[in-house]
């Protein structure tokens, strides 16, 4: 087999802002709100500019995560399909890391779209970073290894981290010519 020799990159994305206006909707079926839907193109633009572009997208099947994954994928015309995994709904850091470990080494850049507190805990375990992970935020985590099987506690470096609020401010500043 001819596996990739590239170091592996894990993109962790928390689903975009969800809609809490209907108290009758259970947690799993809660959709994105207007702001969440509006933030997705900016976050996709961030991925396009700073990369890497994912080879595979795995997402929680919860409605808000599903809508986030579909929005991101459509913005950069991801054609390989999104894989929805039941275990990513409210997944622990350990579960998120296990999904990375189980990837084929043909995949160099994996995007996981899931929920807190698992995302914050995953970032902390992989990189030692303690960061608040707002809805819609993306962390780009790089491994020094060319195999997913070696991903683990303290084995990665945070390359960049940004949330929708920062992206909105940068886009507004850019459009304003300042």
C-alpha atoms as a PDB file:
ATOM      1  CA  UNK A   1       0.000   0.000   0.000  1.00  0.00           C
ATOM      2  CA  UNK A   2       1.173   3.485  -0.820  1.00  0.00           C
ATOM      3  CA  UNK A   3       0.182   5.610   2.159  1.00  0.00           C
ATOM      4  CA  UNK A   4       0.605   9.352   2.377  1.00  0.00           C
ATOM      5  CA  UNK A   5       3.806  10.627   3.957  1.00  0.00           C
ATOM      6  CA  UNK A   6       2.265  13.909   5.095  1.00  0.00           C
ATOM      7  CA  UNK A   7       1.907  14.831   8.740  1.00  0.00           C
ATOM      8  CA  UNK A   8      -1.684  14.555   9.903  1.00  0.00           C
ATOM      9  CA  UNK A   9      -3.868  17.577  10.642  1.00  0.00           C
ATOM     10  CA  UNK A  10      -7.008  17.472  12.750  1.00  0.00           C
ATOM     11  CA  UNK A  11      -9.516  20.284  12.364  1.00  0.00           C
ATOM     12  CA  UNK A  12     -11.860  20.474  15.338  1.00  0.00           C
ATOM     13  CA  UNK A  13     -15.036  22.474  14.764  1.00  0.00           C
ATOM     14  CA  UNK A  14     -17.797  23.054  17.244  1.00  0.00           C
ATOM     15  CA  UNK A  15     -21.199  23.289  15.561  1.00  0.00           C
ATOM     16  CA  UNK A  16     -22.425  26.804  14.778  1.00  0.00           C
ATOM     17  CA  UNK A  17     -24.807  28.735  17.050  1.00  0.00           C
ATOM     18  CA  UNK A  18     -28.028  26.844  17.729  1.00  0.00           C
ATOM     19  CA  UNK A  19     -31.603  28.050  18.065  1.00  0.00           C
ATOM     20  CA  UNK A  20     -33.046  27.917  21.574  1.00  0.00           C
ATOM     21  CA  UNK A  21     -36.270  29.801  20.742  1.00  0.00           C
ATOM     22  CA  UNK A  22     -38.497  26.683  20.810  1.00  0.00           C
ATOM     23  CA  UNK A  23     -38.328  24.984  24.205  1.00  0.00           C
ATOM     24  CA  UNK A  24     -40.295  22.036  22.808  1.00  0.00           C
ATOM     25  CA  UNK A  25     -37.380  20.970  20.570  1.00  0.00           C
ATOM     26  CA  UNK A  26     -35.115  18.414  22.251  1.00  0.00           C
ATOM     27  CA  UNK A  27     -31.346  18.874  22.281  1.00  0.00           C
ATOM     28  CA  UNK A  28     -30.609  16.475  19.416  1.00  0.00           C
ATOM     29  CA  UNK A  29     -33.101  18.156  17.056  1.00  0.00           C
ATOM     30  CA  UNK A  30     -32.170  21.775  17.839  1.00  0.00           C
ATOM     31  CA  UNK A  31     -31.341  23.564  14.538  1.00  0.00           C
ATOM     32  CA  UNK A  32     -28.987  26.450  13.880  1.00  0.00           C
ATOM     33  CA  UNK A  33     -30.213  29.952  14.475  1.00  0.00           C
ATOM     34  CA  UNK A  34     -29.900  32.797  11.966  1.00  0.00           C
ATOM     35  CA  UNK A  35     -26.499  33.896  13.272  1.00  0.00           C
ATOM     36  CA  UNK A  36     -25.191  30.324  13.160  1.00  0.00           C
ATOM     37  CA  UNK A  37     -26.214  29.961   9.512  1.00  0.00           C
ATOM     38  CA  UNK A  38     -24.662  33.340   8.666  1.00  0.00           C
ATOM     39  CA  UNK A  39     -21.359  32.436  10.349  1.00  0.00           C
ATOM     40  CA  UNK A  40     -20.741  29.286   8.295  1.00  0.00           C
ATOM     41  CA  UNK A  41     -19.540  30.988   5.066  1.00  0.00           C
ATOM     42  CA  UNK A  42     -16.987  33.029   7.028  1.00  0.00           C
ATOM     43  CA  UNK A  43     -15.657  29.953   8.792  1.00  0.00           C
ATOM     44  CA  UNK A  44     -15.421  28.140   5.455  1.00  0.00           C
ATOM     45  CA  UNK A  45     -13.505  31.140   4.074  1.00  0.00           C
ATOM     46  CA  UNK A  46     -11.129  30.864   7.025  1.00  0.00           C
ATOM     47  CA  UNK A  47     -10.482  27.223   6.111  1.00  0.00           C
ATOM     48  CA  UNK A  48      -9.928  28.179   2.473  1.00  0.00           C
ATOM     49  CA  UNK A  49      -7.414  30.878   3.444  1.00  0.00           C
ATOM     50  CA  UNK A  50      -5.487  29.136   6.203  1.00  0.00           C
ATOM     51  CA  UNK A  51      -6.230  25.491   5.512  1.00  0.00           C
ATOM     52  CA  UNK A  52      -5.699  22.786   5.257  1.00  0.00           C
ATOM     53  CA  UNK A  53      -8.775  21.703   3.359  1.00  0.00           C
ATOM     54  CA  UNK A  54     -10.155  18.484   4.829  1.00  0.00           C
ATOM     55  CA  UNK A  55      -9.904  15.172   3.013  1.00  0.00           C
ATOM     56  CA  UNK A  56     -12.690  13.770   5.174  1.00  0.00           C
ATOM     57  CA  UNK A  57     -15.477  15.277   7.267  1.00  0.00           C
ATOM     58  CA  UNK A  58     -16.935  13.398  10.214  1.00  0.00           C
ATOM     59  CA  UNK A  59     -19.824  14.989  12.085  1.00  0.00           C
ATOM     60  CA  UNK A  60     -22.301  14.431  14.844  1.00  0.00           C
ATOM     61  CA  UNK A  61     -25.751  13.632  13.444  1.00  0.00           C
ATOM     62  CA  UNK A  62     -27.426  16.207  15.726  1.00  0.00           C
ATOM     63  CA  UNK A  63     -29.346  18.699  13.585  1.00  0.00           C
ATOM     64  CA  UNK A  64     -27.139  21.689  14.468  1.00  0.00           C
ATOM     65  CA  UNK A  65     -23.934  19.752  13.705  1.00  0.00           C
ATOM     66  CA  UNK A  66     -25.449  18.272  10.531  1.00  0.00           C
ATOM     67  CA  UNK A  67     -26.432  21.748   9.289  1.00  0.00           C
ATOM     68  CA  UNK A  68     -22.948  23.051  10.126  1.00  0.00           C
ATOM     69  CA  UNK A  69     -21.256  20.205   8.241  1.00  0.00           C
ATOM     70  CA  UNK A  70     -23.504  20.623   5.205  1.00  0.00           C
ATOM     71  CA  UNK A  71     -22.917  24.379   5.175  1.00  0.00           C
ATOM     72  CA  UNK A  72     -19.136  24.066   5.429  1.00  0.00           C
ATOM     73  CA  UNK A  73     -19.002  21.312   2.793  1.00  0.00           C
ATOM     74  CA  UNK A  74     -21.133  23.273   0.344  1.00  0.00           C
ATOM     75  CA  UNK A  75     -19.014  26.418   0.734  1.00  0.00           C
ATOM     76  CA  UNK A  76     -15.900  24.685  -0.517  1.00  0.00           C
ATOM     77  CA  UNK A  77     -17.648  22.166  -2.736  1.00  0.00           C
ATOM     78  CA  UNK A  78     -16.570  19.121  -0.739  1.00  0.00           C
ATOM     79  CA  UNK A  79     -17.688  16.265  -2.942  1.00  0.00           C
ATOM     80  CA  UNK A  80     -16.669  13.161  -1.004  1.00  0.00           C
ATOM     81  CA  UNK A  81     -19.655  13.222   1.306  1.00  0.00           C
ATOM     82  CA  UNK A  82     -19.894  13.783   5.016  1.00  0.00           C
ATOM     83  CA  UNK A  83     -19.859  10.824   7.348  1.00  0.00           C
ATOM     84  CA  UNK A  84     -22.271  11.166  10.275  1.00  0.00           C
ATOM     85  CA  UNK A  85     -21.369   9.141  13.356  1.00  0.00           C
ATOM     86  CA  UNK A  86     -23.854   8.623  16.180  1.00  0.00           C
ATOM     87  CA  UNK A  87     -21.022   8.415  18.738  1.00  0.00           C
ATOM     88  CA  UNK A  88     -19.954  11.997  17.929  1.00  0.00           C
ATOM     89  CA  UNK A  89     -23.165  13.371  19.474  1.00  0.00           C
ATOM     90  CA  UNK A  90     -21.965  14.866  22.786  1.00  0.00           C
ATOM     91  CA  UNK A  91     -18.743  12.851  22.430  1.00  0.00           C
ATOM     92  CA  UNK A  92     -16.032  12.893  25.051  1.00  0.00           C
ATOM     93  CA  UNK A  93     -12.491  13.912  24.192  1.00  0.00           C
ATOM     94  CA  UNK A  94     -11.517  10.264  24.236  1.00  0.00           C
ATOM     95  CA  UNK A  95     -14.153   9.396  21.645  1.00  0.00           C
ATOM     96  CA  UNK A  96     -13.097  12.288  19.394  1.00  0.00           C
ATOM     97  CA  UNK A  97      -9.454  11.247  19.607  1.00  0.00           C
ATOM     98  CA  UNK A  98     -10.392   7.616  18.906  1.00  0.00           C
ATOM     99  CA  UNK A  99     -12.116   8.693  15.673  1.00  0.00           C
ATOM    100  CA  UNK A 100      -8.880  10.398  14.614  1.00  0.00           C
ATOM    101  CA  UNK A 101      -6.772   7.370  15.573  1.00  0.00           C
ATOM    102  CA  UNK A 102      -9.026   5.090  13.507  1.00  0.00           C
ATOM    103  CA  UNK A 103      -8.593   7.044  10.258  1.00  0.00           C
ATOM    104  CA  UNK A 104      -6.908   5.541   7.260  1.00  0.00           C
ATOM    105  CA  UNK A 105      -3.478   7.006   6.662  1.00  0.00           C
ATOM    106  CA  UNK A 106      -4.698   7.958   3.184  1.00  0.00           C
ATOM    107  CA  UNK A 107      -6.523  10.808   4.964  1.00  0.00           C
ATOM    108  CA  UNK A 108      -4.152  13.665   5.754  1.00  0.00           C
ATOM    109  CA  UNK A 109      -6.595  16.317   6.993  1.00  0.00           C
ATOM    110  CA  UNK A 110      -9.652  15.361   9.053  1.00  0.00           C
ATOM    111  CA  UNK A 111     -12.455  17.748  10.040  1.00  0.00           C
ATOM    112  CA  UNK A 112     -14.471  16.669  13.095  1.00  0.00           C
ATOM    113  CA  UNK A 113     -17.673  18.627  13.772  1.00  0.00           C
ATOM    114  CA  UNK A 114     -19.112  17.976  17.203  1.00  0.00           C
ATOM    115  CA  UNK A 115     -20.028  19.511  20.571  1.00  0.00           C
ATOM    116  CA  UNK A 116     -18.678  20.895  23.818  1.00  0.00           C
ATOM    117  CA  UNK A 117     -17.357  20.054  26.339  1.00  0.00           C
ATOM    118  CA  UNK A 118     -15.708  17.310  24.256  1.00  0.00           C
ATOM    119  CA  UNK A 119     -14.093  19.782  21.856  1.00  0.00           C
ATOM    120  CA  UNK A 120     -12.440  21.835  24.612  1.00  0.00           C
ATOM    121  CA  UNK A 121     -11.274  18.682  26.371  1.00  0.00           C
ATOM    122  CA  UNK A 122      -9.950  17.205  23.109  1.00  0.00           C
ATOM    123  CA  UNK A 123      -7.920  20.343  22.363  1.00  0.00           C
ATOM    124  CA  UNK A 124      -6.579  20.314  25.912  1.00  0.00           C
ATOM    125  CA  UNK A 125      -5.577  16.646  25.759  1.00  0.00           C
ATOM    126  CA  UNK A 126      -3.939  16.800  22.329  1.00  0.00           C
ATOM    127  CA  UNK A 127      -2.127  20.140  22.685  1.00  0.00           C
ATOM    128  CA  UNK A 128      -2.199  21.087  26.349  1.00  0.00           C
ATOM    129  CA  UNK A 129      -4.222  24.211  25.446  1.00  0.00           C
ATOM    130  CA  UNK A 130      -6.956  25.445  27.738  1.00  0.00           C
ATOM    131  CA  UNK A 131      -9.274  27.452  25.483  1.00  0.00           C
ATOM    132  CA  UNK A 132     -12.930  28.380  25.461  1.00  0.00           C
ATOM    133  CA  UNK A 133     -14.449  26.795  22.340  1.00  0.00           C
ATOM    134  CA  UNK A 134     -17.349  29.027  21.225  1.00  0.00           C
ATOM    135  CA  UNK A 135     -19.972  27.762  18.817  1.00  0.00           C
ATOM    136  CA  UNK A 136     -18.674  27.741  15.251  1.00  0.00           C
ATOM    137  CA  UNK A 137     -15.005  27.897  16.283  1.00  0.00           C
ATOM    138  CA  UNK A 138     -12.317  25.881  14.524  1.00  0.00           C
ATOM    139  CA  UNK A 139      -9.001  24.663  15.921  1.00  0.00           C
ATOM    140  CA  UNK A 140      -6.300  23.432  13.559  1.00  0.00           C
ATOM    141  CA  UNK A 141      -4.215  20.812  15.338  1.00  0.00           C
ATOM    142  CA  UNK A 142      -1.090  19.361  13.719  1.00  0.00           C
ATOM    143  CA  UNK A 143       0.604  16.096  14.495  1.00  0.00           C
ATOM    144  CA  UNK A 144       4.280  15.547  13.835  1.00  0.00           C
ATOM    145  CA  UNK A 145       3.466  12.023  12.726  1.00  0.00           C
ATOM    146  CA  UNK A 146       2.437  10.686   9.348  1.00  0.00           C
ATOM    147  CA  UNK A 147       0.099   8.114  10.918  1.00  0.00           C
ATOM    148  CA  UNK A 148      -3.150   8.661  12.782  1.00  0.00           C
ATOM    149  CA  UNK A 149      -2.435   5.791  15.156  1.00  0.00           C
ATOM    150  CA  UNK A 150       0.124   7.897  17.063  1.00  0.00           C
ATOM    151  CA  UNK A 151      -2.284  10.745  17.846  1.00  0.00           C
ATOM    152  CA  UNK A 152      -2.643  11.047  21.598  1.00  0.00           C
ATOM    153  CA  UNK A 153      -2.218  13.125  24.714  1.00  0.00           C
ATOM    154  CA  UNK A 154       0.294  15.907  24.178  1.00  0.00           C
ATOM    155  CA  UNK A 155       1.234  14.689  20.696  1.00  0.00           C
ATOM    156  CA  UNK A 156      -0.011  17.681  18.715  1.00  0.00           C
ATOM    157  CA  UNK A 157       0.557  21.394  18.272  1.00  0.00           C
ATOM    158  CA  UNK A 158      -2.147  24.027  17.932  1.00  0.00           C
ATOM    159  CA  UNK A 159      -1.540  25.753  14.569  1.00  0.00           C
ATOM    160  CA  UNK A 160      -4.401  28.243  14.763  1.00  0.00           C
ATOM    161  CA  UNK A 161      -7.739  28.790  16.485  1.00  0.00           C
ATOM    162  CA  UNK A 162     -10.535  31.180  15.510  1.00  0.00           C
ATOM    163  CA  UNK A 163     -14.185  31.708  16.221  1.00  0.00           C
ATOM    164  CA  UNK A 164     -16.940  33.380  14.245  1.00  0.00           C
ATOM    165  CA  UNK A 165     -16.729  36.612  16.234  1.00  0.00           C
ATOM    166  CA  UNK A 166     -13.108  37.127  15.187  1.00  0.00           C
ATOM    167  CA  UNK A 167     -13.845  36.146  11.585  1.00  0.00           C
ATOM    168  CA  UNK A 168     -16.823  38.570  11.434  1.00  0.00           C
ATOM    169  CA  UNK A 169     -14.627  41.386  12.779  1.00  0.00           C
ATOM    170  CA  UNK A 170     -11.851  40.667  10.279  1.00  0.00           C
ATOM    171  CA  UNK A 171     -14.279  40.455   7.359  1.00  0.00           C
ATOM    172  CA  UNK A 172     -15.974  43.690   8.434  1.00  0.00           C
ATOM    173  CA  UNK A 173     -12.597  45.432   8.711  1.00  0.00           C
ATOM    174  CA  UNK A 174     -11.529  44.070   5.319  1.00  0.00           C
ATOM    175  CA  UNK A 175     -14.765  45.228   3.647  1.00  0.00           C
ATOM    176  CA  UNK A 176     -14.432  48.633   5.283  1.00  0.00           C
ATOM    177  CA  UNK A 177     -11.005  49.137   3.766  1.00  0.00           C
ATOM    178  CA  UNK A 178      -9.338  49.762   7.110  1.00  0.00           C
END
